[in-house]
Every structure is written in structure tokens, then in C-alpha cells.
């Protein structure tokens, strides 16, 4: 087959893909148009309030000033984004992994649940802003305390949801597996874990955004790098445009992590409990 024919075939196959991608993009924009218009309206109102009342930039910068801050401090924002991203992701993985393992243990051991569940509740009751200085004193100003704090914020919601999810398995399915002489591990992998996925992902979506908050709070306590440290520096130096730009970057990071978990949920979860959509 000649090169011309090959090129024609490639062009034909690429065309439907481009059309499908364009249609998907239009569909996403159309379905989210109310949110997009609301966000644009808020930005316009923000800009108008700054102009009308002549609010000083150091108090509240206009959206245009924030855009300039993105342009002028792109390298600084990128340099400080990466440590926060690393801390948030590792804390997310660490906190949720421990929560899942503990939930499995609790479901299989009532004694373990009675012994350690109250401790988990007690740890959750301690304000994270009070725990952070203790961890910084123990582990120093490195990455470790930030990861632990981000993990602690993720831990409890996942533990509660995972225990509930593992116990939501159909009694009929559990009875059938026992009749078939299935082991506890087989019941776990084939019945309990699939049943727990909607509950787990509900918690993971909360944890995805909370992990960013945990990392930033940890950086407030003692750090010279990261978005949290940049927020403190910009505040003390009255660099309001940079402060707002940093906050926007932190929010976008949390939203991106949320949507990554949502995509994973759409791929893995085939059913949802009644009342969830």
C-alpha cells in the first residue's frame, strides 16, 4: 500500500477523533455553563467593587492585579507548588492506606474496634493546628511532619466510611460465600471490598481536598517552602496580589486532586447506594 493511501487512512481515522474530542469539550462546557457564568459574574463584580470604592491593592487586589501576580511570580509559584503537591499526595496515600487497613481489621475483630476506635475519635478531636507544632518539634521542619498532618486530616473520614462500606455487603451474599466455604480473605476481596467502593470514594473525594489544606497548615507552623509558607510571606510583606494568586493555586490543586479521584471512581465503581447520584 502506498504512502499516499496510508496518509489518507490516518487522516480519516484522526478526523472522527478530533470531532469526538470537540463534541466532548462542548458537552462539558454546556453542562457546566451555569457555574462558568456564575464564576465570571463574581470576578466582574469583584473588579467593579475595587474600582468603585477605590480599595487599596494591599487590602484587596483587583482580579487584574492577581493575573499580573501570576505572570510576574510564575517561577516562585511553581517552585512552591511542588513541595505542597508532594506533601498532599503522600499524606493522602499514607492517611487513607492506614484508614483502610484499620477498617478491615475492625470489621474482622470487634475487640480491635472497641480498643482503637475511641483512640481514633480522640485523635480526630484534637485541632490539627495544635498537633502540627508537636510534630514539627519531633520531626523537625522537613517534609515528614507535613505528610503526617496531611495524612491525619485524611484518616478519620476514610476510616468511618470504609467501616460502614465493608459492613454494607449484602447478607445474602455473605451467607452464600460461607455456604461455599469461602475464607475471610475471599469474602473480603469478592464481596466486602466491592461493596465498600462507593463509600470509600465518597471519603477519598473529601480527603483529596483536605490533604492540600493539611499540607498548607503544616507549612504555616514551620517551613520555608511550599504554598503555606508563601502565603505567610506574602501576608507579612503586604503582597496581596501574590497572596491571592497563591490561594487560587492551592484551590486549583485541591480541585484537580478531587477530579482525579472522581475519574477513578467513575472507572471503578459500577453501583452506588440508594440516594447517591
C-alpha atoms as a PDB file:
ATOM      1  CA  UNK A   1       0.000   0.000   0.000  1.00  0.00           C
ATOM      2  CA  UNK A   2       1.410   3.373  -0.997  1.00  0.00           C
ATOM      3  CA  UNK A   3       2.370   6.149   1.391  1.00  0.00           C
ATOM      4  CA  UNK A   4      -0.415   8.327  -0.016  1.00  0.00           C
ATOM      5  CA  UNK A   5      -3.016   5.708   0.879  1.00  0.00           C
ATOM      6  CA  UNK A   6      -1.531   5.342   4.379  1.00  0.00           C
ATOM      7  CA  UNK A   7      -1.691   9.112   4.869  1.00  0.00           C
ATOM      8  CA  UNK A   8      -5.303   9.197   3.678  1.00  0.00           C
ATOM      9  CA  UNK A   9      -6.287   6.416   6.116  1.00  0.00           C
ATOM     10  CA  UNK A  10      -4.560   8.171   9.010  1.00  0.00           C
ATOM     11  CA  UNK A  11      -6.356  11.382   8.127  1.00  0.00           C
ATOM     12  CA  UNK A  12      -9.717   9.626   8.070  1.00  0.00           C
ATOM     13  CA  UNK A  13      -9.131   7.976  11.477  1.00  0.00           C
ATOM     14  CA  UNK A  14      -7.885  11.184  13.080  1.00  0.00           C
ATOM     15  CA  UNK A  15     -10.846  13.233  11.884  1.00  0.00           C
ATOM     16  CA  UNK A  16     -13.514  11.345  13.903  1.00  0.00           C
ATOM     17  CA  UNK A  17     -11.288  11.537  16.991  1.00  0.00           C
ATOM     18  CA  UNK A  18     -10.990  15.299  16.666  1.00  0.00           C
ATOM     19  CA  UNK A  19     -14.742  15.615  16.169  1.00  0.00           C
ATOM     20  CA  UNK A  20     -15.424  13.390  19.193  1.00  0.00           C
ATOM     21  CA  UNK A  21     -12.991  15.417  21.322  1.00  0.00           C
ATOM     22  CA  UNK A  22     -14.610  18.670  20.182  1.00  0.00           C
ATOM     23  CA  UNK A  23     -18.084  17.310  20.925  1.00  0.00           C
ATOM     24  CA  UNK A  24     -16.966  16.147  24.389  1.00  0.00           C
ATOM     25  CA  UNK A  25     -15.437  19.553  25.140  1.00  0.00           C
ATOM     26  CA  UNK A  26     -18.602  21.348  24.027  1.00  0.00           C
ATOM     27  CA  UNK A  27     -20.674  18.954  26.135  1.00  0.00           C
ATOM     28  CA  UNK A  28     -18.589  19.613  29.244  1.00  0.00           C
ATOM     29  CA  UNK A  29     -18.764  23.381  28.724  1.00  0.00           C
ATOM     30  CA  UNK A  30     -22.515  23.251  28.135  1.00  0.00           C
ATOM     31  CA  UNK A  31     -23.217  21.165  31.226  1.00  0.00           C
ATOM     32  CA  UNK A  32     -21.080  23.463  33.372  1.00  0.00           C
ATOM     33  CA  UNK A  33     -22.197  26.739  31.807  1.00  0.00           C
ATOM     34  CA  UNK A  34     -24.158  27.939  34.895  1.00  0.00           C
ATOM     35  CA  UNK A  35     -21.060  27.501  37.079  1.00  0.00           C
ATOM     36  CA  UNK A  36     -18.820  29.186  34.485  1.00  0.00           C
ATOM     37  CA  UNK A  37     -21.176  32.167  34.153  1.00  0.00           C
ATOM     38  CA  UNK A  38     -21.508  32.458  37.935  1.00  0.00           C
ATOM     39  CA  UNK A  39     -17.717  32.468  38.343  1.00  0.00           C
ATOM     40  CA  UNK A  40     -17.293  35.107  35.631  1.00  0.00           C
ATOM     41  CA  UNK A  41     -20.036  37.193  37.248  1.00  0.00           C
ATOM     42  CA  UNK A  42     -18.259  37.049  40.612  1.00  0.00           C
ATOM     43  CA  UNK A  43     -14.979  38.142  39.017  1.00  0.00           C
ATOM     44  CA  UNK A  44     -16.669  41.062  37.239  1.00  0.00           C
ATOM     45  CA  UNK A  45     -18.407  42.105  40.469  1.00  0.00           C
ATOM     46  CA  UNK A  46     -15.109  41.853  42.346  1.00  0.00           C
ATOM     47  CA  UNK A  47     -13.395  44.093  39.776  1.00  0.00           C
ATOM     48  CA  UNK A  48     -16.271  46.583  39.879  1.00  0.00           C
ATOM     49  CA  UNK A  49     -16.225  46.836  43.679  1.00  0.00           C
ATOM     50  CA  UNK A  50     -12.476  47.535  43.657  1.00  0.00           C
ATOM     51  CA  UNK A  51     -12.895  50.288  41.053  1.00  0.00           C
ATOM     52  CA  UNK A  52     -15.997  51.907  42.563  1.00  0.00           C
ATOM     53  CA  UNK A  53     -14.794  52.028  46.175  1.00  0.00           C
ATOM     54  CA  UNK A  54     -11.113  52.564  45.241  1.00  0.00           C
ATOM     55  CA  UNK A  55      -9.926  49.862  47.633  1.00  0.00           C
ATOM     56  CA  UNK A  56      -6.123  49.879  48.055  1.00  0.00           C
ATOM     57  CA  UNK A  57      -4.282  46.991  46.450  1.00  0.00           C
ATOM     58  CA  UNK A  58      -2.612  45.932  49.704  1.00  0.00           C
ATOM     59  CA  UNK A  59      -6.080  45.368  51.218  1.00  0.00           C
ATOM     60  CA  UNK A  60      -7.810  43.632  48.321  1.00  0.00           C
ATOM     61  CA  UNK A  61      -6.260  43.461  44.849  1.00  0.00           C
ATOM     62  CA  UNK A  62      -8.363  43.547  41.712  1.00  0.00           C
ATOM     63  CA  UNK A  63      -8.571  40.421  39.525  1.00  0.00           C
ATOM     64  CA  UNK A  64      -6.298  42.146  37.011  1.00  0.00           C
ATOM     65  CA  UNK A  65      -3.642  42.597  39.714  1.00  0.00           C
ATOM     66  CA  UNK A  66      -3.921  38.904  40.597  1.00  0.00           C
ATOM     67  CA  UNK A  67      -3.405  37.975  36.936  1.00  0.00           C
ATOM     68  CA  UNK A  68      -0.302  40.164  36.862  1.00  0.00           C
ATOM     69  CA  UNK A  69       0.910  38.387  40.022  1.00  0.00           C
ATOM     70  CA  UNK A  70       0.578  35.049  38.232  1.00  0.00           C
ATOM     71  CA  UNK A  71       2.646  36.408  35.356  1.00  0.00           C
ATOM     72  CA  UNK A  72       5.330  38.094  37.450  1.00  0.00           C
ATOM     73  CA  UNK A  73       5.708  35.302  40.036  1.00  0.00           C
ATOM     74  CA  UNK A  74       5.246  32.214  37.877  1.00  0.00           C
ATOM     75  CA  UNK A  75       8.606  30.746  38.857  1.00  0.00           C
ATOM     76  CA  UNK A  76       8.026  31.375  42.572  1.00  0.00           C
ATOM     77  CA  UNK A  77       4.549  29.848  42.469  1.00  0.00           C
ATOM     78  CA  UNK A  78       5.772  26.778  40.610  1.00  0.00           C
ATOM     79  CA  UNK A  79       8.723  26.311  42.956  1.00  0.00           C
ATOM     80  CA  UNK A  80       6.448  26.397  46.000  1.00  0.00           C
ATOM     81  CA  UNK A  81       3.660  24.363  44.424  1.00  0.00           C
ATOM     82  CA  UNK A  82       5.762  21.230  44.011  1.00  0.00           C
ATOM     83  CA  UNK A  83       6.568  20.663  47.729  1.00  0.00           C
ATOM     84  CA  UNK A  84       2.914  21.188  48.699  1.00  0.00           C
ATOM     85  CA  UNK A  85       1.785  18.797  45.970  1.00  0.00           C
ATOM     86  CA  UNK A  86       4.250  16.159  47.173  1.00  0.00           C
ATOM     87  CA  UNK A  87       3.175  16.544  50.809  1.00  0.00           C
ATOM     88  CA  UNK A  88      -0.531  16.459  49.947  1.00  0.00           C
ATOM     89  CA  UNK A  89      -0.276  13.388  47.708  1.00  0.00           C
ATOM     90  CA  UNK A  90       1.925  11.399  50.095  1.00  0.00           C
ATOM     91  CA  UNK A  91      -0.277  12.390  53.041  1.00  0.00           C
ATOM     92  CA  UNK A  92      -3.354  11.358  51.052  1.00  0.00           C
ATOM     93  CA  UNK A  93      -1.862   7.954  50.265  1.00  0.00           C
ATOM     94  CA  UNK A  94      -0.468   7.403  53.766  1.00  0.00           C
ATOM     95  CA  UNK A  95      -3.581   8.504  55.670  1.00  0.00           C
ATOM     96  CA  UNK A  96      -6.047   6.603  53.506  1.00  0.00           C
ATOM     97  CA  UNK A  97      -3.969   3.435  53.400  1.00  0.00           C
ATOM     98  CA  UNK A  98      -3.768   3.303  57.207  1.00  0.00           C
ATOM     99  CA  UNK A  99      -7.509   4.038  57.453  1.00  0.00           C
ATOM    100  CA  UNK A 100      -8.400   1.247  55.007  1.00  0.00           C
ATOM    101  CA  UNK A 101      -6.209  -1.314  56.781  1.00  0.00           C
ATOM    102  CA  UNK A 102      -7.641  -0.352  60.173  1.00  0.00           C
ATOM    103  CA  UNK A 103     -11.206  -0.548  58.826  1.00  0.00           C
ATOM    104  CA  UNK A 104     -10.577  -4.078  57.546  1.00  0.00           C
ATOM    105  CA  UNK A 105      -9.156  -5.034  60.945  1.00  0.00           C
ATOM    106  CA  UNK A 106     -12.123  -3.509  62.785  1.00  0.00           C
ATOM    107  CA  UNK A 107     -14.640  -5.376  60.622  1.00  0.00           C
ATOM    108  CA  UNK A 108     -12.928  -8.698  61.356  1.00  0.00           C
ATOM    109  CA  UNK A 109     -12.213  -8.017  65.041  1.00  0.00           C
ATOM    110  CA  UNK A 110     -14.791  -6.463  67.357  1.00  0.00           C
ATOM    111  CA  UNK A 111     -12.158  -6.340  70.113  1.00  0.00           C
ATOM    112  CA  UNK A 112      -9.802  -4.265  67.973  1.00  0.00           C
ATOM    113  CA  UNK A 113     -12.615  -1.861  67.104  1.00  0.00           C
ATOM    114  CA  UNK A 114     -13.599  -1.402  70.744  1.00  0.00           C
ATOM    115  CA  UNK A 115      -9.968  -0.833  71.703  1.00  0.00           C
ATOM    116  CA  UNK A 116      -8.760   1.508  68.963  1.00  0.00           C
ATOM    117  CA  UNK A 117     -11.826   3.235  67.505  1.00  0.00           C
ATOM    118  CA  UNK A 118     -12.140   5.557  70.546  1.00  0.00           C
ATOM    119  CA  UNK A 119      -8.463   6.447  70.133  1.00  0.00           C
ATOM    120  CA  UNK A 120      -9.104   7.375  66.510  1.00  0.00           C
ATOM    121  CA  UNK A 121     -12.018   9.574  67.597  1.00  0.00           C
ATOM    122  CA  UNK A 122      -9.805  11.224  70.250  1.00  0.00           C
ATOM    123  CA  UNK A 123      -7.088  11.979  67.685  1.00  0.00           C
ATOM    124  CA  UNK A 124      -9.713  13.459  65.355  1.00  0.00           C
ATOM    125  CA  UNK A 125     -10.993  15.660  68.177  1.00  0.00           C
ATOM    126  CA  UNK A 126      -7.589  17.344  68.607  1.00  0.00           C
ATOM    127  CA  UNK A 127      -7.390  20.507  66.431  1.00  0.00           C
ATOM    128  CA  UNK A 128      -4.869  19.937  63.682  1.00  0.00           C
ATOM    129  CA  UNK A 129      -3.361  23.359  64.358  1.00  0.00           C
ATOM    130  CA  UNK A 130      -2.465  22.064  67.852  1.00  0.00           C
ATOM    131  CA  UNK A 131      -0.966  18.815  66.567  1.00  0.00           C
ATOM    132  CA  UNK A 132       1.226  20.498  63.964  1.00  0.00           C
ATOM    133  CA  UNK A 133       3.696  22.176  66.377  1.00  0.00           C
ATOM    134  CA  UNK A 134       4.155  18.890  68.268  1.00  0.00           C
ATOM    135  CA  UNK A 135       5.030  17.029  65.077  1.00  0.00           C
ATOM    136  CA  UNK A 136       7.369  19.816  63.981  1.00  0.00           C
ATOM    137  CA  UNK A 137       9.189  19.587  67.330  1.00  0.00           C
ATOM    138  CA  UNK A 138       9.514  15.803  66.954  1.00  0.00           C
ATOM    139  CA  UNK A 139      10.369  15.527  63.251  1.00  0.00           C
ATOM    140  CA  UNK A 140      11.822  18.960  62.503  1.00  0.00           C
ATOM    141  CA  UNK A 141      10.912  21.311  59.648  1.00  0.00           C
ATOM    142  CA  UNK A 142      11.333  18.738  56.901  1.00  0.00           C
ATOM    143  CA  UNK A 143       8.726  17.007  54.768  1.00  0.00           C
ATOM    144  CA  UNK A 144       7.805  14.294  57.322  1.00  0.00           C
ATOM    145  CA  UNK A 145       5.558  16.359  59.653  1.00  0.00           C
ATOM    146  CA  UNK A 146       3.717  17.865  56.672  1.00  0.00           C
ATOM    147  CA  UNK A 147       2.964  14.414  55.273  1.00  0.00           C
ATOM    148  CA  UNK A 148       1.800  13.160  58.682  1.00  0.00           C
ATOM    149  CA  UNK A 149      -0.506  16.150  59.195  1.00  0.00           C
ATOM    150  CA  UNK A 150      -1.996  15.793  55.701  1.00  0.00           C
ATOM    151  CA  UNK A 151      -2.458  12.091  56.427  1.00  0.00           C
ATOM    152  CA  UNK A 152      -4.167  12.752  59.763  1.00  0.00           C
ATOM    153  CA  UNK A 153      -6.715  15.017  58.094  1.00  0.00           C
ATOM    154  CA  UNK A 154      -7.486  12.306  55.520  1.00  0.00           C
ATOM    155  CA  UNK A 155      -7.545   9.457  58.026  1.00  0.00           C
ATOM    156  CA  UNK A 156     -10.768   9.720  60.009  1.00  0.00           C
ATOM    157  CA  UNK A 157     -13.381  10.289  57.239  1.00  0.00           C
ATOM    158  CA  UNK A 158     -11.960   7.348  55.305  1.00  0.00           C
ATOM    159  CA  UNK A 159     -11.914   5.128  58.391  1.00  0.00           C
ATOM    160  CA  UNK A 160     -15.577   5.834  59.193  1.00  0.00           C
ATOM    161  CA  UNK A 161     -16.772   5.426  55.604  1.00  0.00           C
ATOM    162  CA  UNK A 162     -14.694   2.319  54.987  1.00  0.00           C
ATOM    163  CA  UNK A 163     -16.027   0.546  58.082  1.00  0.00           C
ATOM    164  CA  UNK A 164     -19.560   1.371  57.009  1.00  0.00           C
ATOM    165  CA  UNK A 165     -18.837   0.284  53.442  1.00  0.00           C
ATOM    166  CA  UNK A 166     -17.326  -3.053  54.443  1.00  0.00           C
ATOM    167  CA  UNK A 167     -20.379  -3.751  56.593  1.00  0.00           C
ATOM    168  CA  UNK A 168     -22.782  -2.790  53.809  1.00  0.00           C
ATOM    169  CA  UNK A 169     -22.194  -6.070  51.972  1.00  0.00           C
ATOM    170  CA  UNK A 170     -25.374  -7.994  51.209  1.00  0.00           C
ATOM    171  CA  UNK A 171     -26.166 -10.504  53.996  1.00  0.00           C
ATOM    172  CA  UNK A 172     -27.378 -12.913  51.331  1.00  0.00           C
ATOM    173  CA  UNK A 173     -24.016 -12.723  49.532  1.00  0.00           C
ATOM    174  CA  UNK A 174     -22.143 -13.239  52.792  1.00  0.00           C
ATOM    175  CA  UNK A 175     -24.292 -16.271  53.644  1.00  0.00           C
ATOM    176  CA  UNK A 176     -23.718 -17.688  50.163  1.00  0.00           C
ATOM    177  CA  UNK A 177     -19.949 -17.278  50.476  1.00  0.00           C
ATOM    178  CA  UNK A 178     -19.988 -19.036  53.855  1.00  0.00           C
ATOM    179  CA  UNK A 179     -22.073 -21.881  52.431  1.00  0.00           C
ATOM    180  CA  UNK A 180     -19.426 -22.219  49.715  1.00  0.00           C
ATOM    181  CA  UNK A 181     -16.770 -22.444  52.476  1.00  0.00           C
ATOM    182  CA  UNK A 182     -15.091 -19.225  51.397  1.00  0.00           C
ATOM    183  CA  UNK A 183     -12.322 -17.930  53.636  1.00  0.00           C
ATOM    184  CA  UNK A 184     -12.401 -14.499  55.266  1.00  0.00           C
ATOM    185  CA  UNK A 185      -9.916 -13.206  52.714  1.00  0.00           C
ATOM    186  CA  UNK A 186     -12.060 -14.453  49.813  1.00  0.00           C
ATOM    187  CA  UNK A 187     -15.151 -12.834  51.325  1.00  0.00           C
ATOM    188  CA  UNK A 188     -13.176  -9.622  51.769  1.00  0.00           C
ATOM    189  CA  UNK A 189     -11.895  -9.458  48.194  1.00  0.00           C
ATOM    190  CA  UNK A 190     -15.006 -10.710  46.395  1.00  0.00           C
ATOM    191  CA  UNK A 191     -17.839  -9.252  48.488  1.00  0.00           C
ATOM    192  CA  UNK A 192     -16.873  -6.705  51.124  1.00  0.00           C
ATOM    193  CA  UNK A 193     -14.348  -4.606  49.170  1.00  0.00           C
ATOM    194  CA  UNK A 194     -16.520  -4.250  46.039  1.00  0.00           C
ATOM    195  CA  UNK A 195     -19.461  -3.271  48.261  1.00  0.00           C
ATOM    196  CA  UNK A 196     -17.356  -0.671  50.083  1.00  0.00           C
ATOM    197  CA  UNK A 197     -16.103   1.178  46.982  1.00  0.00           C
ATOM    198  CA  UNK A 198     -18.892   3.815  46.802  1.00  0.00           C
ATOM    199  CA  UNK A 199     -18.381   4.628  50.497  1.00  0.00           C
ATOM    200  CA  UNK A 200     -14.613   4.659  50.085  1.00  0.00           C
ATOM    201  CA  UNK A 201     -14.622   7.046  47.135  1.00  0.00           C
ATOM    202  CA  UNK A 202     -17.041   9.373  48.919  1.00  0.00           C
ATOM    203  CA  UNK A 203     -14.399   9.695  51.640  1.00  0.00           C
ATOM    204  CA  UNK A 204     -11.496   9.894  49.193  1.00  0.00           C
ATOM    205  CA  UNK A 205     -13.043  12.906  47.466  1.00  0.00           C
ATOM    206  CA  UNK A 206     -13.193  14.690  50.818  1.00  0.00           C
ATOM    207  CA  UNK A 207      -9.659  13.570  51.648  1.00  0.00           C
ATOM    208  CA  UNK A 208      -8.309  14.783  48.295  1.00  0.00           C
ATOM    209  CA  UNK A 209      -9.175  18.389  49.116  1.00  0.00           C
ATOM    210  CA  UNK A 210      -8.423  18.076  52.833  1.00  0.00           C
ATOM    211  CA  UNK A 211      -4.900  16.799  52.169  1.00  0.00           C
ATOM    212  CA  UNK A 212      -3.984  20.090  50.492  1.00  0.00           C
ATOM    213  CA  UNK A 213      -5.347  22.005  53.473  1.00  0.00           C
ATOM    214  CA  UNK A 214      -3.337  19.796  55.844  1.00  0.00           C
ATOM    215  CA  UNK A 215      -0.118  20.358  53.930  1.00  0.00           C
ATOM    216  CA  UNK A 216      -0.631  24.136  53.895  1.00  0.00           C
ATOM    217  CA  UNK A 217      -1.454  24.272  57.618  1.00  0.00           C
ATOM    218  CA  UNK A 218       1.695  22.286  58.360  1.00  0.00           C
ATOM    219  CA  UNK A 219       3.744  24.720  56.283  1.00  0.00           C
ATOM    220  CA  UNK A 220       2.325  27.627  58.292  1.00  0.00           C
ATOM    221  CA  UNK A 221       3.779  26.185  61.503  1.00  0.00           C
ATOM    222  CA  UNK A 222       7.335  25.783  60.373  1.00  0.00           C
ATOM    223  CA  UNK A 223       8.573  25.795  56.802  1.00  0.00           C
ATOM    224  CA  UNK A 224      10.480  27.985  54.394  1.00  0.00           C
ATOM    225  CA  UNK A 225       8.976  26.436  51.277  1.00  0.00           C
ATOM    226  CA  UNK A 226       5.563  25.435  49.945  1.00  0.00           C
ATOM    227  CA  UNK A 227       2.332  27.314  49.284  1.00  0.00           C
ATOM    228  CA  UNK A 228       1.658  27.683  53.010  1.00  0.00           C
ATOM    229  CA  UNK A 229       4.997  29.372  53.605  1.00  0.00           C
ATOM    230  CA  UNK A 230       4.429  31.590  50.568  1.00  0.00           C
ATOM    231  CA  UNK A 231       1.024  32.649  51.936  1.00  0.00           C
ATOM    232  CA  UNK A 232       2.643  33.684  55.235  1.00  0.00           C
ATOM    233  CA  UNK A 233       5.448  35.543  53.463  1.00  0.00           C
ATOM    234  CA  UNK A 234       3.063  37.388  51.139  1.00  0.00           C
ATOM    235  CA  UNK A 235       0.807  38.346  54.068  1.00  0.00           C
ATOM    236  CA  UNK A 236       3.598  39.783  56.213  1.00  0.00           C
ATOM    237  CA  UNK A 237       5.039  41.705  53.253  1.00  0.00           C
ATOM    238  CA  UNK A 238       1.612  43.101  52.204  1.00  0.00           C
ATOM    239  CA  UNK A 239       1.932  41.497  48.774  1.00  0.00           C
ATOM    240  CA  UNK A 240      -1.791  40.970  48.390  1.00  0.00           C
ATOM    241  CA  UNK A 241      -1.799  40.089  44.661  1.00  0.00           C
ATOM    242  CA  UNK A 242       0.736  37.313  45.315  1.00  0.00           C
ATOM    243  CA  UNK A 243      -1.275  36.175  48.347  1.00  0.00           C
ATOM    244  CA  UNK A 244      -4.451  35.857  46.291  1.00  0.00           C
ATOM    245  CA  UNK A 245      -2.598  34.130  43.461  1.00  0.00           C
ATOM    246  CA  UNK A 246      -1.180  31.586  45.911  1.00  0.00           C
ATOM    247  CA  UNK A 247      -4.617  30.909  47.376  1.00  0.00           C
ATOM    248  CA  UNK A 248      -6.018  30.370  43.874  1.00  0.00           C
ATOM    249  CA  UNK A 249      -3.199  27.919  43.087  1.00  0.00           C
ATOM    250  CA  UNK A 250      -3.909  26.000  46.305  1.00  0.00           C
ATOM    251  CA  UNK A 251      -7.623  25.836  45.477  1.00  0.00           C
ATOM    252  CA  UNK A 252      -6.909  24.653  41.930  1.00  0.00           C
ATOM    253  CA  UNK A 253      -4.605  21.952  43.292  1.00  0.00           C
ATOM    254  CA  UNK A 254      -7.368  20.691  45.598  1.00  0.00           C
ATOM    255  CA  UNK A 255      -9.901  20.734  42.741  1.00  0.00           C
ATOM    256  CA  UNK A 256      -7.556  18.809  40.447  1.00  0.00           C
ATOM    257  CA  UNK A 257      -6.994  16.120  43.080  1.00  0.00           C
ATOM    258  CA  UNK A 258     -10.768  15.942  43.620  1.00  0.00           C
ATOM    259  CA  UNK A 259     -11.403  15.379  39.921  1.00  0.00           C
ATOM    260  CA  UNK A 260      -8.675  12.742  39.676  1.00  0.00           C
ATOM    261  CA  UNK A 261     -10.418  10.778  42.429  1.00  0.00           C
ATOM    262  CA  UNK A 262     -13.775  11.339  40.700  1.00  0.00           C
ATOM    263  CA  UNK A 263     -12.392   9.927  37.449  1.00  0.00           C
ATOM    264  CA  UNK A 264     -11.044   6.889  39.305  1.00  0.00           C
ATOM    265  CA  UNK A 265     -14.458   6.450  40.921  1.00  0.00           C
ATOM    266  CA  UNK A 266     -16.216   6.537  37.541  1.00  0.00           C
ATOM    267  CA  UNK A 267     -13.859   3.834  36.247  1.00  0.00           C
ATOM    268  CA  UNK A 268     -14.044   1.528  39.283  1.00  0.00           C
ATOM    269  CA  UNK A 269     -17.498   1.918  40.841  1.00  0.00           C
ATOM    270  CA  UNK A 270     -20.318   0.212  38.979  1.00  0.00           C
ATOM    271  CA  UNK A 271     -23.084   0.893  41.502  1.00  0.00           C
ATOM    272  CA  UNK A 272     -23.984   3.425  44.173  1.00  0.00           C
ATOM    273  CA  UNK A 273     -26.099   3.178  47.310  1.00  0.00           C
ATOM    274  CA  UNK A 274     -29.656   4.464  47.140  1.00  0.00           C
ATOM    275  CA  UNK A 275     -29.773   8.233  47.374  1.00  0.00           C
ATOM    276  CA  UNK A 276     -26.334   8.824  45.784  1.00  0.00           C
ATOM    277  CA  UNK A 277     -26.096  10.204  42.254  1.00  0.00           C
END
